[in-house]
N, C-alpha and C. Protein backbone atom coordinates (compact mmCIF):
# COMPACT_ATOMS: atom_id res chain seq x y z
N MET A 1 42.09 87.66 -20.80
CA MET A 1 41.78 89.01 -21.20
C MET A 1 40.31 89.35 -20.90
N LEU A 2 39.39 88.40 -21.18
CA LEU A 2 37.99 88.64 -20.89
C LEU A 2 37.75 88.77 -19.40
N GLU A 3 38.47 87.99 -18.62
CA GLU A 3 38.33 88.08 -17.16
C GLU A 3 38.80 89.44 -16.66
N THR A 4 39.90 89.93 -17.21
CA THR A 4 40.42 91.25 -16.83
C THR A 4 39.41 92.34 -17.20
N SER A 5 38.86 92.24 -18.41
CA SER A 5 37.86 93.20 -18.86
C SER A 5 36.65 93.19 -17.94
N THR A 6 36.21 92.01 -17.55
CA THR A 6 35.05 91.88 -16.67
C THR A 6 35.34 92.51 -15.32
N LYS A 7 36.49 92.24 -14.75
CA LYS A 7 36.83 92.79 -13.43
C LYS A 7 36.95 94.31 -13.48
N LEU A 8 37.54 94.84 -14.54
CA LEU A 8 37.65 96.29 -14.69
C LEU A 8 36.27 96.93 -14.79
N ARG A 9 35.41 96.34 -15.60
CA ARG A 9 34.05 96.86 -15.78
C ARG A 9 33.30 96.86 -14.45
N GLN A 10 33.44 95.78 -13.68
CA GLN A 10 32.74 95.67 -12.40
C GLN A 10 33.21 96.72 -11.39
N GLY A 11 34.43 97.21 -11.56
CA GLY A 11 34.97 98.20 -10.62
C GLY A 11 34.58 99.63 -10.95
N LEU A 12 33.92 99.85 -12.07
CA LEU A 12 33.54 101.21 -12.46
C LEU A 12 32.34 101.70 -11.66
N PRO A 13 32.28 103.02 -11.39
CA PRO A 13 31.12 103.57 -10.68
C PRO A 13 29.85 103.34 -11.49
N GLY A 14 28.77 103.00 -10.81
CA GLY A 14 27.48 102.80 -11.47
C GLY A 14 27.39 101.50 -12.26
N PHE A 15 28.27 100.57 -11.96
CA PHE A 15 28.29 99.29 -12.68
C PHE A 15 26.94 98.59 -12.60
N LYS A 16 26.52 98.03 -13.74
CA LYS A 16 25.33 97.18 -13.81
C LYS A 16 25.72 95.92 -14.54
N LYS A 17 25.15 94.80 -14.11
CA LYS A 17 25.52 93.51 -14.69
C LYS A 17 25.26 93.44 -16.20
N SER A 18 24.28 94.20 -16.68
CA SER A 18 23.99 94.18 -18.11
C SER A 18 25.17 94.69 -18.93
N GLN A 19 26.08 95.41 -18.29
CA GLN A 19 27.26 95.94 -18.99
C GLN A 19 28.30 94.86 -19.29
N LEU A 20 28.07 93.66 -18.79
CA LEU A 20 28.98 92.55 -19.08
C LEU A 20 28.58 91.81 -20.36
N TYR A 21 27.60 92.34 -21.05
CA TYR A 21 27.05 91.69 -22.25
C TYR A 21 28.13 91.25 -23.23
N ASN A 22 28.98 92.17 -23.66
CA ASN A 22 29.99 91.84 -24.68
C ASN A 22 30.99 90.81 -24.18
N ALA A 23 31.43 90.96 -22.95
CA ALA A 23 32.40 90.00 -22.40
C ALA A 23 31.79 88.61 -22.29
N LEU A 24 30.54 88.55 -21.82
CA LEU A 24 29.89 87.23 -21.69
C LEU A 24 29.61 86.61 -23.06
N ARG A 25 29.22 87.45 -24.01
CA ARG A 25 28.96 86.91 -25.35
C ARG A 25 30.25 86.36 -25.96
N CYS A 26 31.33 87.13 -25.87
CA CYS A 26 32.62 86.66 -26.42
C CYS A 26 33.07 85.37 -25.73
N LYS A 27 32.93 85.34 -24.43
CA LYS A 27 33.32 84.14 -23.68
C LYS A 27 32.47 82.95 -24.11
N GLY A 28 31.17 83.17 -24.29
CA GLY A 28 30.29 82.10 -24.74
C GLY A 28 30.64 81.60 -26.12
N VAL A 29 30.96 82.52 -27.02
CA VAL A 29 31.35 82.13 -28.39
C VAL A 29 32.63 81.30 -28.35
N LEU A 30 33.58 81.70 -27.51
CA LEU A 30 34.82 80.93 -27.38
C LEU A 30 34.55 79.52 -26.86
N HIS A 31 33.71 79.41 -25.84
CA HIS A 31 33.35 78.09 -25.32
C HIS A 31 32.73 77.24 -26.43
N LYS A 32 31.84 77.86 -27.20
CA LYS A 32 31.15 77.12 -28.27
C LYS A 32 32.14 76.64 -29.33
N LYS A 33 33.06 77.51 -29.72
CA LYS A 33 34.05 77.14 -30.73
C LYS A 33 34.97 76.02 -30.24
N LEU A 34 35.19 75.97 -28.92
CA LEU A 34 36.04 74.93 -28.34
C LEU A 34 35.25 73.65 -28.03
N GLY A 35 33.95 73.66 -28.38
CA GLY A 35 33.14 72.48 -28.17
C GLY A 35 32.54 72.35 -26.78
N ASP A 36 32.71 73.37 -25.95
CA ASP A 36 32.16 73.36 -24.59
C ASP A 36 30.78 74.02 -24.62
N LEU A 37 29.78 73.26 -25.02
CA LEU A 37 28.43 73.81 -25.17
C LEU A 37 27.81 74.19 -23.83
N ASP A 38 28.14 73.45 -22.77
CA ASP A 38 27.62 73.80 -21.44
C ASP A 38 28.17 75.16 -21.00
N GLY A 39 29.47 75.37 -21.20
CA GLY A 39 30.08 76.65 -20.84
C GLY A 39 29.51 77.78 -21.67
N ALA A 40 29.28 77.52 -22.95
CA ALA A 40 28.71 78.54 -23.85
C ALA A 40 27.31 78.91 -23.38
N GLU A 41 26.49 77.89 -23.12
CA GLU A 41 25.12 78.17 -22.68
C GLU A 41 25.11 78.96 -21.38
N GLU A 42 26.00 78.59 -20.47
CA GLU A 42 26.07 79.29 -19.18
C GLU A 42 26.35 80.79 -19.38
N CYS A 43 27.30 81.11 -20.25
CA CYS A 43 27.63 82.52 -20.52
C CYS A 43 26.46 83.25 -21.16
N PHE A 44 25.84 82.62 -22.17
CA PHE A 44 24.73 83.26 -22.88
C PHE A 44 23.53 83.44 -21.95
N GLN A 45 23.24 82.43 -21.13
CA GLN A 45 22.11 82.54 -20.19
C GLN A 45 22.36 83.64 -19.16
N GLU A 46 23.60 83.75 -18.70
CA GLU A 46 23.93 84.80 -17.73
C GLU A 46 23.74 86.18 -18.35
N ALA A 47 24.21 86.36 -19.59
CA ALA A 47 24.04 87.65 -20.27
C ALA A 47 22.56 87.98 -20.46
N LEU A 48 21.77 86.99 -20.85
CA LEU A 48 20.33 87.19 -21.04
C LEU A 48 19.67 87.55 -19.71
N LYS A 49 20.01 86.82 -18.66
CA LYS A 49 19.43 87.10 -17.34
C LYS A 49 19.78 88.51 -16.87
N ASN A 50 21.01 88.92 -17.08
CA ASN A 50 21.43 90.27 -16.68
C ASN A 50 20.59 91.33 -17.40
N LEU A 51 20.36 91.14 -18.69
CA LEU A 51 19.54 92.09 -19.46
C LEU A 51 18.11 92.10 -18.94
N GLU A 52 17.55 90.90 -18.75
CA GLU A 52 16.16 90.81 -18.29
C GLU A 52 15.99 91.33 -16.88
N ASP A 53 16.98 91.11 -16.01
CA ASP A 53 16.90 91.63 -14.64
C ASP A 53 16.88 93.15 -14.63
N GLU A 54 17.67 93.75 -15.51
CA GLU A 54 17.74 95.21 -15.52
C GLU A 54 16.59 95.85 -16.28
N PHE A 55 16.23 95.28 -17.42
CA PHE A 55 15.27 95.95 -18.30
C PHE A 55 13.89 95.31 -18.31
N GLY A 56 13.76 94.12 -17.77
CA GLY A 56 12.47 93.43 -17.78
C GLY A 56 12.40 92.45 -18.93
N LYS A 57 11.43 91.58 -18.83
CA LYS A 57 11.28 90.50 -19.80
C LYS A 57 10.15 90.78 -20.77
N ASP A 58 9.08 91.34 -20.28
CA ASP A 58 7.89 91.53 -21.09
C ASP A 58 7.79 92.97 -21.56
N ILE A 59 7.24 93.11 -22.75
CA ILE A 59 7.08 94.43 -23.36
C ILE A 59 5.60 94.79 -23.34
N PRO A 60 5.26 95.97 -22.83
CA PRO A 60 3.85 96.36 -22.73
C PRO A 60 3.26 96.73 -24.09
N MET A 61 2.87 95.74 -24.87
CA MET A 61 2.38 95.96 -26.23
C MET A 61 0.98 96.58 -26.27
N ASN A 62 0.20 96.46 -25.20
CA ASN A 62 -1.19 96.88 -25.24
C ASN A 62 -1.38 98.39 -25.14
N ASN A 63 -0.42 99.13 -24.67
CA ASN A 63 -0.52 100.59 -24.55
C ASN A 63 0.50 101.21 -25.49
N ARG A 64 0.02 101.79 -26.60
CA ARG A 64 0.92 102.29 -27.65
C ARG A 64 1.91 103.33 -27.13
N PHE A 65 1.44 104.29 -26.31
CA PHE A 65 2.33 105.33 -25.80
C PHE A 65 3.41 104.72 -24.91
N VAL A 66 3.00 103.85 -23.99
CA VAL A 66 3.96 103.21 -23.10
C VAL A 66 4.95 102.40 -23.91
N PHE A 67 4.44 101.70 -24.92
CA PHE A 67 5.31 100.89 -25.77
C PHE A 67 6.32 101.76 -26.51
N GLN A 68 5.89 102.90 -27.04
CA GLN A 68 6.80 103.80 -27.76
C GLN A 68 7.88 104.33 -26.83
N GLN A 69 7.50 104.71 -25.62
CA GLN A 69 8.48 105.19 -24.64
C GLN A 69 9.45 104.07 -24.27
N PHE A 70 8.89 102.88 -24.11
CA PHE A 70 9.71 101.73 -23.79
C PHE A 70 10.73 101.47 -24.90
N LEU A 71 10.27 101.50 -26.15
CA LEU A 71 11.18 101.25 -27.27
C LEU A 71 12.27 102.32 -27.37
N LYS A 72 11.92 103.57 -27.10
CA LYS A 72 12.93 104.63 -27.12
C LYS A 72 14.05 104.29 -26.15
N HIS A 73 13.67 103.86 -24.98
CA HIS A 73 14.65 103.55 -23.94
C HIS A 73 15.37 102.23 -24.18
N MET A 74 14.70 101.29 -24.84
CA MET A 74 15.21 99.93 -24.95
C MET A 74 15.82 99.56 -26.30
N THR A 75 15.96 100.50 -27.20
CA THR A 75 16.43 100.15 -28.53
C THR A 75 17.75 99.39 -28.49
N ASN A 76 18.60 99.68 -27.54
CA ASN A 76 19.86 98.95 -27.43
C ASN A 76 19.70 97.60 -26.76
N MET A 77 18.75 97.48 -25.84
CA MET A 77 18.59 96.25 -25.10
C MET A 77 17.93 95.15 -25.92
N LEU A 78 16.88 95.48 -26.67
CA LEU A 78 16.15 94.44 -27.39
C LEU A 78 17.00 93.68 -28.41
N PRO A 79 17.79 94.37 -29.25
CA PRO A 79 18.64 93.60 -30.16
C PRO A 79 19.65 92.72 -29.41
N ARG A 80 20.15 93.19 -28.29
CA ARG A 80 21.09 92.38 -27.51
C ARG A 80 20.40 91.15 -26.95
N THR A 81 19.18 91.32 -26.47
CA THR A 81 18.41 90.19 -25.99
C THR A 81 18.18 89.19 -27.12
N ALA A 82 17.82 89.71 -28.29
CA ALA A 82 17.58 88.84 -29.45
C ALA A 82 18.84 88.05 -29.81
N VAL A 83 19.98 88.71 -29.74
CA VAL A 83 21.24 88.02 -30.06
C VAL A 83 21.52 86.92 -29.05
N MET A 84 21.29 87.18 -27.77
CA MET A 84 21.52 86.15 -26.76
C MET A 84 20.57 84.97 -26.96
N LEU A 85 19.31 85.26 -27.29
CA LEU A 85 18.36 84.18 -27.55
C LEU A 85 18.82 83.35 -28.75
N LYS A 86 19.33 84.03 -29.77
CA LYS A 86 19.85 83.34 -30.96
C LYS A 86 21.06 82.49 -30.59
N GLU A 87 21.95 83.03 -29.77
CA GLU A 87 23.15 82.28 -29.35
C GLU A 87 22.77 81.03 -28.57
N ILE A 88 21.79 81.17 -27.66
CA ILE A 88 21.34 80.02 -26.88
C ILE A 88 20.70 79.00 -27.82
N GLY A 89 19.91 79.48 -28.77
CA GLY A 89 19.35 78.58 -29.78
C GLY A 89 20.43 77.84 -30.53
N GLY A 90 21.53 78.54 -30.82
CA GLY A 90 22.66 77.92 -31.51
C GLY A 90 23.31 76.80 -30.72
N VAL A 91 23.32 76.95 -29.39
CA VAL A 91 23.86 75.89 -28.53
C VAL A 91 22.98 74.65 -28.66
N TYR A 92 21.66 74.86 -28.59
CA TYR A 92 20.75 73.71 -28.71
C TYR A 92 20.79 73.13 -30.12
N TYR A 93 21.02 73.96 -31.09
CA TYR A 93 21.19 73.50 -32.48
C TYR A 93 22.38 72.55 -32.56
N GLU A 94 23.50 72.95 -31.96
CA GLU A 94 24.70 72.10 -31.96
C GLU A 94 24.46 70.79 -31.20
N ARG A 95 23.62 70.84 -30.19
CA ARG A 95 23.29 69.63 -29.42
C ARG A 95 22.26 68.76 -30.15
N LYS A 96 21.77 69.25 -31.28
CA LYS A 96 20.74 68.56 -32.07
C LYS A 96 19.42 68.47 -31.32
N GLN A 97 19.18 69.44 -30.45
CA GLN A 97 17.91 69.53 -29.73
C GLN A 97 17.06 70.56 -30.49
N TRP A 98 16.52 70.10 -31.62
CA TRP A 98 15.88 71.00 -32.59
C TRP A 98 14.70 71.77 -32.02
N ASP A 99 13.86 71.10 -31.22
CA ASP A 99 12.67 71.78 -30.69
C ASP A 99 13.05 72.95 -29.78
N ILE A 100 14.05 72.74 -28.94
CA ILE A 100 14.47 73.81 -28.03
C ILE A 100 15.16 74.92 -28.83
N ALA A 101 15.98 74.53 -29.81
CA ALA A 101 16.61 75.54 -30.68
C ALA A 101 15.54 76.38 -31.36
N GLN A 102 14.50 75.73 -31.87
CA GLN A 102 13.41 76.45 -32.54
C GLN A 102 12.74 77.45 -31.59
N GLU A 103 12.52 77.04 -30.33
CA GLU A 103 11.91 77.94 -29.35
C GLU A 103 12.75 79.20 -29.16
N TYR A 104 14.05 79.03 -29.00
CA TYR A 104 14.92 80.20 -28.80
C TYR A 104 15.00 81.04 -30.07
N TYR A 105 15.06 80.41 -31.23
CA TYR A 105 15.08 81.16 -32.48
C TYR A 105 13.77 81.93 -32.66
N ASP A 106 12.64 81.33 -32.28
CA ASP A 106 11.35 82.03 -32.37
C ASP A 106 11.35 83.27 -31.47
N ARG A 107 11.81 83.10 -30.25
CA ARG A 107 11.86 84.25 -29.32
C ARG A 107 12.79 85.34 -29.85
N SER A 108 13.93 84.92 -30.42
CA SER A 108 14.86 85.88 -30.99
C SER A 108 14.21 86.65 -32.14
N LEU A 109 13.55 85.92 -33.02
CA LEU A 109 12.89 86.54 -34.16
C LEU A 109 11.80 87.50 -33.71
N ASP A 110 10.97 87.09 -32.75
CA ASP A 110 9.91 87.97 -32.24
C ASP A 110 10.50 89.25 -31.66
N THR A 111 11.59 89.12 -30.94
CA THR A 111 12.23 90.29 -30.33
C THR A 111 12.79 91.23 -31.39
N MET A 112 13.46 90.68 -32.39
CA MET A 112 14.02 91.53 -33.46
C MET A 112 12.92 92.21 -34.26
N ARG A 113 11.82 91.53 -34.48
CA ARG A 113 10.72 92.14 -35.24
C ARG A 113 10.09 93.32 -34.50
N GLN A 114 10.21 93.34 -33.17
CA GLN A 114 9.67 94.47 -32.41
C GLN A 114 10.47 95.73 -32.67
N VAL A 115 11.76 95.58 -32.90
CA VAL A 115 12.62 96.74 -33.13
C VAL A 115 12.74 97.05 -34.62
N TYR A 116 12.88 96.01 -35.44
CA TYR A 116 13.07 96.18 -36.88
C TYR A 116 12.01 95.36 -37.62
N PRO A 117 10.75 95.84 -37.63
CA PRO A 117 9.66 95.03 -38.19
C PRO A 117 9.76 94.77 -39.70
N ASP A 118 10.47 95.59 -40.42
CA ASP A 118 10.51 95.45 -41.87
C ASP A 118 11.73 94.72 -42.39
N GLU A 119 12.58 94.23 -41.52
CA GLU A 119 13.80 93.56 -41.97
C GLU A 119 13.72 92.06 -41.71
N PRO A 120 14.22 91.26 -42.65
CA PRO A 120 14.19 89.80 -42.44
C PRO A 120 15.26 89.36 -41.44
N HIS A 121 14.91 88.40 -40.64
CA HIS A 121 15.83 87.84 -39.64
C HIS A 121 15.67 86.33 -39.60
N LEU A 122 15.71 85.69 -40.75
CA LEU A 122 15.30 84.30 -40.84
C LEU A 122 16.41 83.31 -41.13
N ASP A 123 17.66 83.74 -41.16
CA ASP A 123 18.75 82.84 -41.55
C ASP A 123 18.88 81.62 -40.64
N ASN A 124 18.68 81.80 -39.33
CA ASN A 124 18.79 80.65 -38.40
C ASN A 124 17.73 79.61 -38.66
N PHE A 125 16.54 80.06 -39.03
CA PHE A 125 15.45 79.12 -39.28
C PHE A 125 15.76 78.28 -40.52
N GLY A 126 16.36 78.89 -41.53
CA GLY A 126 16.74 78.13 -42.72
C GLY A 126 17.72 77.03 -42.37
N SER A 127 18.73 77.36 -41.58
CA SER A 127 19.73 76.37 -41.18
C SER A 127 19.09 75.25 -40.37
N LEU A 128 18.22 75.61 -39.44
CA LEU A 128 17.56 74.62 -38.59
C LEU A 128 16.70 73.68 -39.44
N HIS A 129 15.91 74.24 -40.33
CA HIS A 129 15.03 73.39 -41.13
C HIS A 129 15.81 72.54 -42.12
N PHE A 130 16.94 73.02 -42.58
CA PHE A 130 17.80 72.20 -43.44
C PHE A 130 18.30 70.98 -42.66
N LYS A 131 18.75 71.23 -41.41
CA LYS A 131 19.30 70.15 -40.59
C LYS A 131 18.27 69.07 -40.29
N ILE A 132 17.02 69.50 -40.08
CA ILE A 132 16.01 68.50 -39.70
C ILE A 132 15.24 67.99 -40.92
N GLY A 133 15.68 68.38 -42.13
CA GLY A 133 15.15 67.78 -43.35
C GLY A 133 13.91 68.43 -43.91
N LEU A 134 13.58 69.63 -43.48
CA LEU A 134 12.43 70.34 -44.04
C LEU A 134 12.93 71.30 -45.11
N CYS A 135 13.38 70.76 -46.22
CA CYS A 135 14.08 71.55 -47.24
C CYS A 135 13.21 72.63 -47.88
N GLU A 136 11.92 72.36 -48.10
CA GLU A 136 11.07 73.40 -48.68
C GLU A 136 10.95 74.58 -47.73
N THR A 137 10.74 74.29 -46.46
CA THR A 137 10.65 75.36 -45.47
C THR A 137 11.97 76.10 -45.38
N GLU A 138 13.06 75.38 -45.40
CA GLU A 138 14.40 75.96 -45.33
C GLU A 138 14.63 76.93 -46.48
N GLN A 139 14.26 76.52 -47.70
CA GLN A 139 14.45 77.38 -48.87
C GLN A 139 13.65 78.67 -48.72
N GLY A 140 12.43 78.56 -48.22
CA GLY A 140 11.60 79.75 -48.02
C GLY A 140 12.22 80.73 -47.04
N TYR A 141 12.79 80.22 -45.96
CA TYR A 141 13.43 81.09 -44.98
C TYR A 141 14.63 81.80 -45.59
N PHE A 142 15.46 81.07 -46.31
CA PHE A 142 16.63 81.70 -46.91
C PHE A 142 16.24 82.75 -47.95
N GLU A 143 15.21 82.49 -48.72
CA GLU A 143 14.76 83.46 -49.71
C GLU A 143 14.20 84.70 -49.03
N SER A 144 13.46 84.53 -47.92
CA SER A 144 12.92 85.66 -47.19
C SER A 144 13.99 86.48 -46.52
N ALA A 145 15.11 85.88 -46.20
CA ALA A 145 16.18 86.57 -45.48
C ALA A 145 17.01 87.46 -46.41
N ARG A 146 16.85 87.32 -47.70
CA ARG A 146 17.64 88.12 -48.65
C ARG A 146 17.22 89.56 -48.66
């Protein structure tokens, strides 16, 4: 079904690879649930690359006007990028590669804070710190996420 959805989407006029976001995310989640972490990472990385290829990777934070215009245009892209970064972090979390998971979770958190600066987005950090035995840090993240 996901393959059919992807092929239909690709056949539409004005198709852009970033429009495969939902299909790639669903496919990645399925791979992850089936224990195929390589397949999951491949899907999530492809979705992230498609977003970055279309919208760019870096945000011009130094010019307030440019940044505001950028955010107006990118409000849909940044949360999607953050979700893909979180998903990739989750793959490394499952692989017990804590440092790499932390890097992706940090990037995800930084991206979400650009769009929603006043909302907590710390649940993944609590889980990660619990797994690696930093219980005090883990408790702080969970309390901040409430």
